[in-house]
Amino acid sequence: MGSLLRFNPAAKIARDSAAPDGFESGWPILICLLGGFRVLKGGEPVSVRRGGKTQTLLENLSVCRGQCASRDALLNALWPGGMEAASKRSLHKLVHTVHKALGDAIDGAPPILRVDGYYRLNVYLTLLMRLAEYHYSGGAFGECLNAALQLLKNDPCCEDAHRMVMRCHIRRGEWAQALRQYRLCEAILRAEFDIKPEPATTALLDQVRLDPGSI
């Protein structure tokens, strides 16, 4: 299966030499370092502030070439000398900002994955959320649950996946498990970034408690 998110340090060179037509538009997300930093989504440039935090984050992850960058290394690159707790919260917000800017190109999957304090570009698992949504829309809630849980193994902080797990449990009549999934999400975010779940996640919790039949 081909990658949906691609790092290509030689995009400008390949395009200017013998690259085939449509090279840059052939990937939902393309990150280019040589010839000037650029991010393309579906072949169209994404506005990224030159020298800003988003550029620094994506550059540091891109040079890893599919490997992981430690949280400490990213914090040092982004906020050298900063307070650890505040920097961790800022990193979470920055990753979420990238998700909002680029995630729609890969069907809502997170462009950046976090596992055990390490981060990497989502090169291999971008289809999992779409697969989960496909199974959910077809009423195959067990298969949907499996896909969402697999995504969480690779990105435990992905609230989209936590919400999908909660919805699956409700549709399977497992209300207690849905509540436990929220608590798990809450605990992970608190331990990792000292933040609360997104409003969409807390709103789903209220829906589980007050009107589960509407889910």
N, C-alpha and C. Protein backbone atom coordinates (compact mmCIF):
# COMPACT_ATOMS: atom_id res chain seq x y z
N MET A 1 0.86 -1.19 0.00
CA MET A 1 0.00 0.00 0.00
C MET A 1 0.88 1.23 0.00
N GLY A 2 0.67 2.18 -0.89
CA GLY A 2 1.49 3.36 -0.97
C GLY A 2 1.22 4.32 0.16
N SER A 3 2.19 5.17 0.46
CA SER A 3 2.04 6.16 1.50
C SER A 3 1.11 7.26 1.03
N LEU A 4 0.31 7.79 1.94
CA LEU A 4 -0.56 8.90 1.62
C LEU A 4 0.06 10.22 2.05
N LEU A 5 0.95 10.18 3.01
CA LEU A 5 1.67 11.38 3.43
C LEU A 5 3.13 11.14 3.13
N ARG A 6 3.75 12.04 2.39
CA ARG A 6 5.11 11.76 1.92
C ARG A 6 6.04 12.92 2.22
N PHE A 7 7.22 12.59 2.71
CA PHE A 7 8.32 13.55 2.82
C PHE A 7 9.20 13.38 1.60
N ASN A 8 9.47 14.49 0.89
CA ASN A 8 10.31 14.40 -0.30
C ASN A 8 11.30 15.56 -0.31
N PRO A 9 12.53 15.35 0.16
CA PRO A 9 13.49 16.44 0.25
C PRO A 9 13.95 16.95 -1.10
N ALA A 10 13.73 16.20 -2.17
CA ALA A 10 14.23 16.59 -3.49
C ALA A 10 13.11 16.95 -4.45
N ALA A 11 12.00 17.42 -3.92
CA ALA A 11 10.85 17.69 -4.79
C ALA A 11 11.19 18.69 -5.87
N LYS A 12 11.87 19.75 -5.54
CA LYS A 12 12.18 20.77 -6.53
C LYS A 12 13.14 20.22 -7.59
N ILE A 13 14.14 19.46 -7.16
CA ILE A 13 15.09 18.91 -8.11
C ILE A 13 14.39 17.95 -9.07
N ALA A 14 13.57 17.05 -8.50
CA ALA A 14 12.88 16.07 -9.34
C ALA A 14 11.92 16.75 -10.30
N ARG A 15 11.24 17.78 -9.84
CA ARG A 15 10.27 18.45 -10.69
C ARG A 15 10.97 19.18 -11.82
N ASP A 16 12.12 19.78 -11.49
CA ASP A 16 12.81 20.58 -12.49
C ASP A 16 13.60 19.75 -13.48
N SER A 17 13.82 18.46 -13.15
CA SER A 17 14.56 17.62 -14.08
C SER A 17 13.60 16.76 -14.87
N ALA A 18 13.53 15.45 -14.54
CA ALA A 18 12.73 14.55 -15.37
C ALA A 18 11.56 13.96 -14.62
N ALA A 19 11.06 14.66 -13.61
CA ALA A 19 9.93 14.13 -12.85
C ALA A 19 8.70 14.07 -13.73
N PRO A 20 7.86 13.04 -13.57
CA PRO A 20 6.65 12.93 -14.39
C PRO A 20 5.65 14.02 -14.04
N ASP A 21 4.79 14.31 -15.01
CA ASP A 21 3.73 15.28 -14.76
C ASP A 21 2.88 14.82 -13.58
N GLY A 22 2.47 15.80 -12.79
CA GLY A 22 1.61 15.48 -11.66
C GLY A 22 2.34 14.97 -10.45
N PHE A 23 3.71 15.06 -10.45
CA PHE A 23 4.48 14.53 -9.32
C PHE A 23 4.03 15.15 -8.00
N GLU A 24 3.92 16.47 -7.97
CA GLU A 24 3.59 17.14 -6.71
C GLU A 24 2.13 16.98 -6.34
N SER A 25 1.25 16.80 -7.30
CA SER A 25 -0.16 16.65 -6.99
C SER A 25 -0.55 15.20 -6.75
N GLY A 26 0.44 14.30 -6.86
CA GLY A 26 0.13 12.87 -6.73
C GLY A 26 0.03 12.39 -5.30
N TRP A 27 0.34 13.26 -4.32
CA TRP A 27 0.29 12.88 -2.92
C TRP A 27 -0.64 13.83 -2.17
N PRO A 28 -1.50 13.32 -1.30
CA PRO A 28 -2.36 14.22 -0.53
C PRO A 28 -1.57 15.27 0.24
N ILE A 29 -0.43 14.87 0.82
CA ILE A 29 0.42 15.81 1.55
C ILE A 29 1.86 15.60 1.13
N LEU A 30 2.54 16.67 0.77
CA LEU A 30 3.94 16.60 0.37
C LEU A 30 4.71 17.68 1.12
N ILE A 31 5.79 17.28 1.81
CA ILE A 31 6.64 18.21 2.55
C ILE A 31 7.97 18.30 1.83
N CYS A 32 8.35 19.50 1.42
CA CYS A 32 9.57 19.71 0.66
C CYS A 32 10.51 20.60 1.45
N LEU A 33 11.78 20.20 1.53
CA LEU A 33 12.79 20.97 2.26
C LEU A 33 13.76 21.71 1.34
N LEU A 34 14.19 21.06 0.25
CA LEU A 34 15.15 21.69 -0.65
C LEU A 34 14.46 22.69 -1.56
N GLY A 35 15.17 23.76 -1.88
CA GLY A 35 14.57 24.79 -2.73
C GLY A 35 13.58 25.66 -1.98
N GLY A 36 13.67 25.66 -0.64
CA GLY A 36 12.73 26.43 0.16
C GLY A 36 11.68 25.52 0.76
N PHE A 37 11.41 25.71 2.04
CA PHE A 37 10.43 24.87 2.72
C PHE A 37 9.04 25.10 2.16
N ARG A 38 8.36 24.01 1.83
CA ARG A 38 6.99 24.08 1.33
C ARG A 38 6.19 22.89 1.84
N VAL A 39 4.90 23.12 2.03
CA VAL A 39 3.96 22.05 2.32
C VAL A 39 2.85 22.14 1.27
N LEU A 40 2.61 21.03 0.58
CA LEU A 40 1.56 20.98 -0.43
C LEU A 40 0.48 20.01 0.01
N LYS A 41 -0.75 20.40 -0.21
CA LYS A 41 -1.91 19.54 0.09
C LYS A 41 -2.69 19.38 -1.20
N GLY A 42 -2.66 18.16 -1.74
CA GLY A 42 -3.31 17.94 -3.03
C GLY A 42 -2.70 18.77 -4.14
N GLY A 43 -1.39 19.05 -4.02
CA GLY A 43 -0.71 19.83 -5.03
C GLY A 43 -0.78 21.33 -4.83
N GLU A 44 -1.56 21.77 -3.86
CA GLU A 44 -1.72 23.20 -3.60
C GLU A 44 -0.93 23.60 -2.37
N PRO A 45 -0.27 24.77 -2.40
CA PRO A 45 0.54 25.19 -1.25
C PRO A 45 -0.31 25.50 -0.02
N VAL A 46 0.21 25.11 1.13
CA VAL A 46 -0.42 25.41 2.42
C VAL A 46 0.36 26.56 3.06
N SER A 47 -0.35 27.54 3.56
CA SER A 47 0.31 28.68 4.17
C SER A 47 0.95 28.28 5.49
N VAL A 48 2.27 28.39 5.57
CA VAL A 48 3.04 28.09 6.77
C VAL A 48 3.98 29.27 7.02
N ARG A 49 3.93 29.86 8.19
CA ARG A 49 4.77 31.02 8.48
C ARG A 49 6.24 30.64 8.42
N ARG A 50 6.98 31.39 7.63
CA ARG A 50 8.40 31.09 7.43
C ARG A 50 9.16 31.21 8.74
N GLY A 51 9.87 30.15 9.11
CA GLY A 51 10.64 30.15 10.34
C GLY A 51 9.82 29.96 11.60
N GLY A 52 8.52 29.66 11.45
CA GLY A 52 7.64 29.51 12.60
C GLY A 52 7.71 28.12 13.21
N LYS A 53 6.88 27.93 14.23
CA LYS A 53 6.89 26.66 14.96
C LYS A 53 6.43 25.50 14.09
N THR A 54 5.44 25.73 13.23
CA THR A 54 4.96 24.64 12.37
C THR A 54 6.06 24.18 11.43
N GLN A 55 6.78 25.11 10.84
CA GLN A 55 7.89 24.73 9.97
C GLN A 55 8.95 23.97 10.74
N THR A 56 9.29 24.44 11.93
CA THR A 56 10.32 23.77 12.73
C THR A 56 9.90 22.35 13.08
N LEU A 57 8.63 22.18 13.47
CA LEU A 57 8.13 20.85 13.81
C LEU A 57 8.20 19.91 12.61
N LEU A 58 7.68 20.35 11.47
CA LEU A 58 7.64 19.49 10.29
C LEU A 58 9.05 19.20 9.76
N GLU A 59 9.94 20.17 9.84
CA GLU A 59 11.32 19.92 9.41
C GLU A 59 11.98 18.86 10.28
N ASN A 60 11.80 18.98 11.60
CA ASN A 60 12.43 18.02 12.50
C ASN A 60 11.88 16.62 12.29
N LEU A 61 10.57 16.50 12.04
CA LEU A 61 9.98 15.19 11.80
C LEU A 61 10.37 14.66 10.42
N SER A 62 10.49 15.54 9.45
CA SER A 62 10.80 15.10 8.09
C SER A 62 12.19 14.50 7.98
N VAL A 63 13.17 15.11 8.65
CA VAL A 63 14.53 14.60 8.52
C VAL A 63 14.70 13.25 9.20
N CYS A 64 13.70 12.86 10.01
CA CYS A 64 13.75 11.53 10.62
C CYS A 64 13.44 10.44 9.60
N ARG A 65 12.85 10.81 8.46
CA ARG A 65 12.57 9.88 7.37
C ARG A 65 11.80 8.65 7.84
N GLY A 66 10.69 8.88 8.52
CA GLY A 66 9.84 7.78 8.95
C GLY A 66 10.16 7.25 10.33
N GLN A 67 11.33 7.66 10.89
CA GLN A 67 11.67 7.26 12.25
C GLN A 67 11.03 8.23 13.23
N CYS A 68 11.22 7.97 14.51
CA CYS A 68 10.57 8.78 15.53
C CYS A 68 11.51 9.84 16.08
N ALA A 69 10.94 10.99 16.46
CA ALA A 69 11.67 12.03 17.16
C ALA A 69 11.15 12.06 18.59
N SER A 70 12.04 12.15 19.56
CA SER A 70 11.60 12.16 20.95
C SER A 70 10.93 13.48 21.28
N ARG A 71 10.02 13.43 22.23
CA ARG A 71 9.36 14.65 22.68
C ARG A 71 10.37 15.65 23.19
N ASP A 72 11.36 15.18 23.95
CA ASP A 72 12.36 16.09 24.50
C ASP A 72 13.13 16.80 23.39
N ALA A 73 13.46 16.08 22.33
CA ALA A 73 14.18 16.69 21.22
C ALA A 73 13.33 17.76 20.55
N LEU A 74 12.04 17.49 20.37
CA LEU A 74 11.16 18.48 19.75
C LEU A 74 10.96 19.69 20.65
N LEU A 75 10.81 19.45 21.95
CA LEU A 75 10.64 20.57 22.88
C LEU A 75 11.88 21.46 22.87
N ASN A 76 13.05 20.85 22.80
CA ASN A 76 14.28 21.63 22.79
C ASN A 76 14.42 22.42 21.49
N ALA A 77 13.96 21.85 20.38
CA ALA A 77 14.04 22.55 19.09
C ALA A 77 13.03 23.69 19.00
N LEU A 78 11.86 23.48 19.61
CA LEU A 78 10.78 24.45 19.49
C LEU A 78 10.81 25.52 20.57
N TRP A 79 11.07 25.11 21.80
CA TRP A 79 11.06 26.05 22.93
C TRP A 79 12.28 25.80 23.81
N PRO A 80 13.48 26.08 23.32
CA PRO A 80 14.68 25.83 24.13
C PRO A 80 14.66 26.65 25.41
N GLY A 81 14.87 25.95 26.52
CA GLY A 81 14.88 26.63 27.81
C GLY A 81 13.51 26.92 28.38
N GLY A 82 12.46 26.46 27.70
CA GLY A 82 11.10 26.73 28.17
C GLY A 82 10.72 25.82 29.33
N MET A 83 9.67 26.22 30.06
CA MET A 83 9.14 25.40 31.14
C MET A 83 8.54 24.13 30.55
N GLU A 84 8.86 22.98 31.14
CA GLU A 84 8.47 21.70 30.55
C GLU A 84 6.96 21.56 30.41
N ALA A 85 6.21 21.85 31.47
CA ALA A 85 4.76 21.66 31.43
C ALA A 85 4.12 22.55 30.37
N ALA A 86 4.52 23.81 30.32
CA ALA A 86 3.96 24.72 29.33
C ALA A 86 4.36 24.31 27.92
N SER A 87 5.61 23.87 27.75
CA SER A 87 6.07 23.46 26.42
C SER A 87 5.34 22.22 25.94
N LYS A 88 5.06 21.28 26.83
CA LYS A 88 4.32 20.08 26.46
C LYS A 88 2.92 20.43 25.99
N ARG A 89 2.26 21.36 26.69
CA ARG A 89 0.93 21.80 26.26
C ARG A 89 1.00 22.48 24.90
N SER A 90 2.02 23.30 24.72
CA SER A 90 2.17 24.00 23.44
C SER A 90 2.43 23.02 22.30
N LEU A 91 3.20 21.96 22.57
CA LEU A 91 3.45 20.96 21.54
C LEU A 91 2.16 20.25 21.15
N HIS A 92 1.35 19.91 22.13
CA HIS A 92 0.07 19.27 21.83
C HIS A 92 -0.80 20.17 20.97
N LYS A 93 -0.85 21.45 21.31
CA LYS A 93 -1.66 22.39 20.53
C LYS A 93 -1.11 22.54 19.11
N LEU A 94 0.21 22.54 18.99
CA LEU A 94 0.82 22.67 17.67
C LEU A 94 0.51 21.45 16.81
N VAL A 95 0.62 20.26 17.38
CA VAL A 95 0.29 19.04 16.64
C VAL A 95 -1.19 19.06 16.22
N HIS A 96 -2.05 19.55 17.12
CA HIS A 96 -3.48 19.63 16.79
C HIS A 96 -3.72 20.64 15.67
N THR A 97 -2.97 21.74 15.67
CA THR A 97 -3.09 22.73 14.60
C THR A 97 -2.72 22.14 13.25
N VAL A 98 -1.65 21.33 13.23
CA VAL A 98 -1.25 20.67 11.99
C VAL A 98 -2.34 19.70 11.54
N HIS A 99 -2.94 19.00 12.50
CA HIS A 99 -4.02 18.06 12.17
C HIS A 99 -5.18 18.80 11.51
N LYS A 100 -5.56 19.93 12.07
CA LYS A 100 -6.68 20.70 11.51
C LYS A 100 -6.34 21.21 10.11
N ALA A 101 -5.08 21.57 9.90
CA ALA A 101 -4.68 22.14 8.61
C ALA A 101 -4.53 21.08 7.52
N LEU A 102 -4.11 19.86 7.89
CA LEU A 102 -3.75 18.86 6.88
C LEU A 102 -4.59 17.59 6.93
N GLY A 103 -5.23 17.31 8.06
CA GLY A 103 -5.91 16.03 8.24
C GLY A 103 -7.00 15.74 7.24
N ASP A 104 -7.65 16.79 6.71
CA ASP A 104 -8.74 16.55 5.76
C ASP A 104 -8.22 15.92 4.47
N ALA A 105 -6.93 16.11 4.18
CA ALA A 105 -6.35 15.53 2.96
C ALA A 105 -6.18 14.03 3.06
N ILE A 106 -6.17 13.50 4.28
CA ILE A 106 -6.02 12.05 4.48
C ILE A 106 -7.18 11.51 5.30
N ASP A 107 -8.37 12.04 4.95
CA ASP A 107 -9.63 11.54 5.51
C ASP A 107 -9.70 11.62 7.02
N GLY A 108 -9.15 12.70 7.57
CA GLY A 108 -9.25 12.92 9.01
C GLY A 108 -8.20 12.22 9.84
N ALA A 109 -7.34 11.42 9.21
CA ALA A 109 -6.29 10.73 9.96
C ALA A 109 -5.27 11.75 10.47
N PRO A 110 -4.63 11.50 11.60
CA PRO A 110 -3.64 12.45 12.13
C PRO A 110 -2.38 12.47 11.28
N PRO A 111 -1.92 13.63 10.81
CA PRO A 111 -0.67 13.69 10.05
C PRO A 111 0.55 13.37 10.90
N ILE A 112 0.44 13.58 12.22
CA ILE A 112 1.55 13.31 13.12
C ILE A 112 1.09 12.32 14.18
N LEU A 113 1.85 11.25 14.37
CA LEU A 113 1.52 10.23 15.35
C LEU A 113 2.41 10.37 16.58
N ARG A 114 1.86 10.06 17.75
CA ARG A 114 2.63 10.08 19.00
C ARG A 114 2.50 8.72 19.67
N VAL A 115 3.62 8.12 20.01
CA VAL A 115 3.64 6.82 20.68
C VAL A 115 4.72 6.84 21.75
N ASP A 116 4.30 6.67 23.00
CA ASP A 116 5.26 6.55 24.12
C ASP A 116 6.28 7.69 24.16
N GLY A 117 5.80 8.90 23.96
CA GLY A 117 6.68 10.05 24.05
C GLY A 117 7.51 10.32 22.81
N TYR A 118 7.23 9.62 21.71
CA TYR A 118 7.93 9.83 20.45
C TYR A 118 6.93 10.23 19.37
N TYR A 119 7.39 11.00 18.41
CA TYR A 119 6.53 11.51 17.34
C TYR A 119 7.10 11.15 15.99
N ARG A 120 6.21 10.93 15.02
CA ARG A 120 6.65 10.71 13.65
C ARG A 120 5.53 11.08 12.69
N LEU A 121 5.92 11.35 11.45
CA LEU A 121 4.92 11.62 10.43
C LEU A 121 4.13 10.34 10.15
N ASN A 122 2.86 10.52 9.89
CA ASN A 122 1.97 9.37 9.66
C ASN A 122 2.11 8.91 8.22
N VAL A 123 3.11 8.07 7.99
CA VAL A 123 3.40 7.60 6.63
C VAL A 123 2.64 6.32 6.30
N TYR A 124 2.34 5.50 7.30
CA TYR A 124 1.85 4.14 7.02
C TYR A 124 0.40 3.87 7.43
N LEU A 125 -0.15 4.67 8.35
CA LEU A 125 -1.44 4.28 8.93
C LEU A 125 -2.55 5.28 8.67
N THR A 126 -2.46 6.01 7.57
CA THR A 126 -3.43 7.06 7.32
C THR A 126 -4.81 6.55 6.92
N LEU A 127 -4.94 5.27 6.60
CA LEU A 127 -6.24 4.74 6.19
C LEU A 127 -7.08 4.22 7.36
N LEU A 128 -6.51 4.15 8.54
CA LEU A 128 -7.23 3.51 9.65
C LEU A 128 -8.51 4.26 10.02
N MET A 129 -8.45 5.58 10.10
CA MET A 129 -9.65 6.32 10.47
C MET A 129 -10.72 6.19 9.40
N ARG A 130 -10.31 6.25 8.14
CA ARG A 130 -11.30 6.07 7.07
C ARG A 130 -11.90 4.68 7.13
N LEU A 131 -11.08 3.68 7.44
CA LEU A 131 -11.60 2.32 7.56
C LEU A 131 -12.60 2.23 8.71
N ALA A 132 -12.27 2.87 9.84
CA ALA A 132 -13.18 2.86 10.98
C ALA A 132 -14.51 3.53 10.62
N GLU A 133 -14.44 4.66 9.94
CA GLU A 133 -15.66 5.37 9.54
C GLU A 133 -16.48 4.55 8.55
N TYR A 134 -15.79 3.85 7.66
CA TYR A 134 -16.49 3.00 6.70
C TYR A 134 -17.27 1.91 7.42
N HIS A 135 -16.62 1.23 8.37
CA HIS A 135 -17.30 0.17 9.10
C HIS A 135 -18.44 0.74 9.95
N TYR A 136 -18.21 1.91 10.54
CA TYR A 136 -19.26 2.51 11.38
C TYR A 136 -20.50 2.84 10.56
N SER A 137 -20.29 3.43 9.38
CA SER A 137 -21.43 3.79 8.54
C SER A 137 -22.18 2.56 8.04
N GLY A 138 -21.48 1.42 7.97
CA GLY A 138 -22.12 0.19 7.53
C GLY A 138 -22.68 -0.66 8.66
N GLY A 139 -22.56 -0.14 9.90
CA GLY A 139 -23.10 -0.86 11.04
C GLY A 139 -22.21 -1.99 11.53
N ALA A 140 -20.99 -2.08 11.02
CA ALA A 140 -20.05 -3.13 11.47
C ALA A 140 -19.24 -2.57 12.63
N PHE A 141 -19.86 -2.47 13.80
CA PHE A 141 -19.26 -1.75 14.91
C PHE A 141 -18.06 -2.49 15.53
N GLY A 142 -18.05 -3.80 15.44
CA GLY A 142 -16.89 -4.55 15.93
C GLY A 142 -15.65 -4.26 15.10
N GLU A 143 -15.81 -4.27 13.77
CA GLU A 143 -14.68 -3.97 12.89
C GLU A 143 -14.24 -2.52 13.04
N CYS A 144 -15.21 -1.62 13.20
CA CYS A 144 -14.89 -0.22 13.43
C CYS A 144 -14.08 -0.05 14.71
N LEU A 145 -14.50 -0.74 15.75
CA LEU A 145 -13.81 -0.66 17.03
C LEU A 145 -12.37 -1.15 16.90
N ASN A 146 -12.17 -2.23 16.17
CA ASN A 146 -10.82 -2.76 15.99
C ASN A 146 -9.92 -1.76 15.27
N ALA A 147 -10.45 -1.11 14.23
CA ALA A 147 -9.65 -0.14 13.48
C ALA A 147 -9.30 1.07 14.34
N ALA A 148 -10.28 1.56 15.10
CA ALA A 148 -10.04 2.73 15.95
C ALA A 148 -9.03 2.41 17.06
N LEU A 149 -9.13 1.22 17.63
CA LEU A 149 -8.18 0.84 18.68
C LEU A 149 -6.78 0.66 18.12
N GLN A 150 -6.68 0.16 16.89
CA GLN A 150 -5.37 0.04 16.25
C GLN A 150 -4.76 1.42 16.02
N LEU A 151 -5.59 2.37 15.64
CA LEU A 151 -5.08 3.73 15.46
C LEU A 151 -4.57 4.28 16.79
N LEU A 152 -5.30 4.01 17.88
CA LEU A 152 -4.90 4.51 19.19
C LEU A 152 -3.59 3.88 19.67
N LYS A 153 -3.29 2.68 19.23
CA LYS A 153 -2.00 2.08 19.58
C LYS A 153 -0.85 2.90 19.01
N ASN A 154 -1.09 3.54 17.87
CA ASN A 154 -0.07 4.34 17.23
C ASN A 154 -0.14 5.81 17.60
N ASP A 155 -1.30 6.26 18.06
CA ASP A 155 -1.44 7.66 18.47
C ASP A 155 -2.44 7.72 19.61
N PRO A 156 -2.01 7.44 20.84
CA PRO A 156 -2.92 7.38 21.99
C PRO A 156 -3.64 8.69 22.28
N CYS A 157 -3.15 9.80 21.75
CA CYS A 157 -3.77 11.10 22.02
C CYS A 157 -4.76 11.53 20.94
N CYS A 158 -5.02 10.67 19.98
CA CYS A 158 -5.94 11.02 18.89
C CYS A 158 -7.38 11.00 19.39
N GLU A 159 -7.94 12.17 19.64
CA GLU A 159 -9.29 12.22 20.21
C GLU A 159 -10.35 11.78 19.21
N ASP A 160 -10.11 11.96 17.91
CA ASP A 160 -11.06 11.45 16.91
C ASP A 160 -11.26 9.95 17.11
N ALA A 161 -10.16 9.24 17.34
CA ALA A 161 -10.24 7.78 17.53
C ALA A 161 -10.91 7.44 18.86
N HIS A 162 -10.60 8.18 19.91
CA HIS A 162 -11.27 7.94 21.20
C HIS A 162 -12.79 8.13 21.04
N ARG A 163 -13.19 9.18 20.33
CA ARG A 163 -14.63 9.41 20.14
C ARG A 163 -15.26 8.29 19.32
N MET A 164 -14.53 7.79 18.33
CA MET A 164 -15.07 6.69 17.53
C MET A 164 -15.26 5.44 18.39
N VAL A 165 -14.30 5.16 19.28
CA VAL A 165 -14.43 4.02 20.19
C VAL A 165 -15.64 4.19 21.09
N MET A 166 -15.84 5.39 21.61
CA MET A 166 -17.00 5.66 22.46
C MET A 166 -18.30 5.41 21.70
N ARG A 167 -18.37 5.89 20.47
CA ARG A 167 -19.59 5.71 19.67
C ARG A 167 -19.84 4.22 19.39
N CYS A 168 -18.78 3.49 19.09
CA CYS A 168 -18.94 2.06 18.83
C CYS A 168 -19.50 1.34 20.05
N HIS A 169 -18.97 1.65 21.22
CA HIS A 169 -19.45 0.99 22.43
C HIS A 169 -20.93 1.30 22.66
N ILE A 170 -21.33 2.53 22.43
CA ILE A 170 -22.75 2.88 22.61
C ILE A 170 -23.62 2.11 21.64
N ARG A 171 -23.20 2.05 20.38
CA ARG A 171 -24.01 1.34 19.39
C ARG A 171 -24.06 -0.16 19.66
N ARG A 172 -23.08 -0.67 20.41
CA ARG A 172 -23.06 -2.08 20.80
C ARG A 172 -23.74 -2.30 22.15
N GLY A 173 -24.29 -1.21 22.72
CA GLY A 173 -24.96 -1.31 24.02
C GLY A 173 -24.02 -1.38 25.20
N GLU A 174 -22.77 -0.98 24.99
CA GLU A 174 -21.75 -1.07 26.04
C GLU A 174 -21.49 0.32 26.63
N TRP A 175 -22.46 0.84 27.37
CA TRP A 175 -22.39 2.21 27.87
C TRP A 175 -21.24 2.39 28.85
N ALA A 176 -21.03 1.41 29.72
CA ALA A 176 -19.96 1.54 30.71
C ALA A 176 -18.59 1.62 30.02
N GLN A 177 -18.41 0.85 28.94
CA GLN A 177 -17.14 0.89 28.23
C GLN A 177 -16.93 2.25 27.55
N ALA A 178 -18.04 2.84 27.08
CA ALA A 178 -17.93 4.17 26.47
C ALA A 178 -17.45 5.20 27.49
N LEU A 179 -17.99 5.12 28.69
CA LEU A 179 -17.57 6.04 29.75
C LEU A 179 -16.12 5.79 30.15
N ARG A 180 -15.74 4.53 30.21
CA ARG A 180 -14.35 4.21 30.54
C ARG A 180 -13.39 4.73 29.47
N GLN A 181 -13.82 4.68 28.20
CA GLN A 181 -12.96 5.18 27.13
C GLN A 181 -12.73 6.68 27.29
N TYR A 182 -13.77 7.41 27.69
CA TYR A 182 -13.59 8.85 27.94
C TYR A 182 -12.59 9.06 29.06
N ARG A 183 -12.72 8.31 30.14
CA ARG A 183 -11.80 8.47 31.27
C ARG A 183 -10.37 8.15 30.86
N LEU A 184 -10.21 7.14 30.00
CA LEU A 184 -8.88 6.78 29.51
C LEU A 184 -8.31 7.93 28.69
N CYS A 185 -9.10 8.48 27.80
CA CYS A 185 -8.67 9.63 26.99
C CYS A 185 -8.28 10.80 27.90
N GLU A 186 -9.11 11.07 28.87
CA GLU A 186 -8.86 12.16 29.81
C GLU A 186 -7.54 11.95 30.55
N ALA A 187 -7.31 10.73 31.01
CA ALA A 187 -6.10 10.42 31.77
C ALA A 187 -4.85 10.54 30.90
N ILE A 188 -4.92 10.08 29.66
CA ILE A 188 -3.77 10.14 28.76
C ILE A 188 -3.40 11.60 28.48
N LEU A 189 -4.39 12.42 28.20
CA LEU A 189 -4.12 13.83 27.90
C LEU A 189 -3.57 14.56 29.12
N ARG A 190 -4.10 14.21 30.29
CA ARG A 190 -3.61 14.86 31.51
C ARG A 190 -2.16 14.47 31.79
N ALA A 191 -1.86 13.18 31.65
CA ALA A 191 -0.51 12.70 31.95
C ALA A 191 0.51 13.21 30.93
N GLU A 192 0.09 13.28 29.67
CA GLU A 192 1.04 13.64 28.62
C GLU A 192 1.21 15.15 28.47
N PHE A 193 0.10 15.89 28.55
CA PHE A 193 0.16 17.32 28.24
C PHE A 193 -0.44 18.22 29.32
N ASP A 194 -1.04 17.62 30.36
CA ASP A 194 -1.71 18.39 31.40
C ASP A 194 -2.80 19.28 30.80
N ILE A 195 -3.61 18.69 29.92
CA ILE A 195 -4.72 19.41 29.31
C ILE A 195 -5.98 18.56 29.42
N LYS A 196 -7.12 19.19 29.13
CA LYS A 196 -8.41 18.50 29.15
C LYS A 196 -8.79 18.08 27.73
N PRO A 197 -9.71 17.13 27.61
CA PRO A 197 -10.17 16.74 26.26
C PRO A 197 -10.82 17.91 25.52
N GLU A 198 -10.87 17.79 24.22
CA GLU A 198 -11.47 18.81 23.37
C GLU A 198 -12.98 18.93 23.66
N PRO A 199 -13.56 20.10 23.35
CA PRO A 199 -15.01 20.26 23.55
C PRO A 199 -15.85 19.20 22.86
N ALA A 200 -15.41 18.75 21.68
CA ALA A 200 -16.17 17.71 20.96
C ALA A 200 -16.19 16.41 21.75
N THR A 201 -15.12 16.12 22.47
CA THR A 201 -15.07 14.88 23.27
C THR A 201 -15.93 14.99 24.51
N THR A 202 -15.88 16.13 25.19
CA THR A 202 -16.72 16.31 26.37
C THR A 202 -18.20 16.39 25.98
N ALA A 203 -18.49 16.96 24.80
CA ALA A 203 -19.88 17.00 24.33
C ALA A 203 -20.40 15.59 24.07
N LEU A 204 -19.54 14.72 23.52
CA LEU A 204 -19.94 13.34 23.30
C LEU A 204 -20.18 12.64 24.63
N LEU A 205 -19.36 12.94 25.64
CA LEU A 205 -19.58 12.37 26.97
C LEU A 205 -20.95 12.75 27.50
N ASP A 206 -21.31 14.01 27.36
CA ASP A 206 -22.64 14.46 27.81
C ASP A 206 -23.74 13.73 27.05
N GLN A 207 -23.52 13.51 25.76
CA GLN A 207 -24.50 12.79 24.95
C GLN A 207 -24.62 11.34 25.41
N VAL A 208 -23.51 10.72 25.76
CA VAL A 208 -23.53 9.35 26.28
C VAL A 208 -24.34 9.28 27.56
N ARG A 209 -24.16 10.26 28.42
CA ARG A 209 -24.84 10.26 29.71
C ARG A 209 -26.32 10.59 29.59
N LEU A 210 -26.64 11.57 28.73
CA LEU A 210 -27.99 12.12 28.73
C LEU A 210 -28.88 11.58 27.61
N ASP A 211 -28.30 11.24 26.46
CA ASP A 211 -29.12 10.82 25.33
C ASP A 211 -28.36 9.83 24.46
N PRO A 212 -27.98 8.68 24.99
CA PRO A 212 -27.18 7.72 24.20
C PRO A 212 -27.88 7.20 22.97
N GLY A 213 -29.20 7.22 22.98
CA GLY A 213 -29.94 6.74 21.82
C GLY A 213 -29.78 7.60 20.59
N SER A 214 -29.29 8.84 20.77
CA SER A 214 -29.10 9.72 19.63
C SER A 214 -27.77 9.53 18.94
N ILE A 215 -26.91 8.67 19.48
CA ILE A 215 -25.57 8.45 18.91
C ILE A 215 -25.65 7.41 17.79
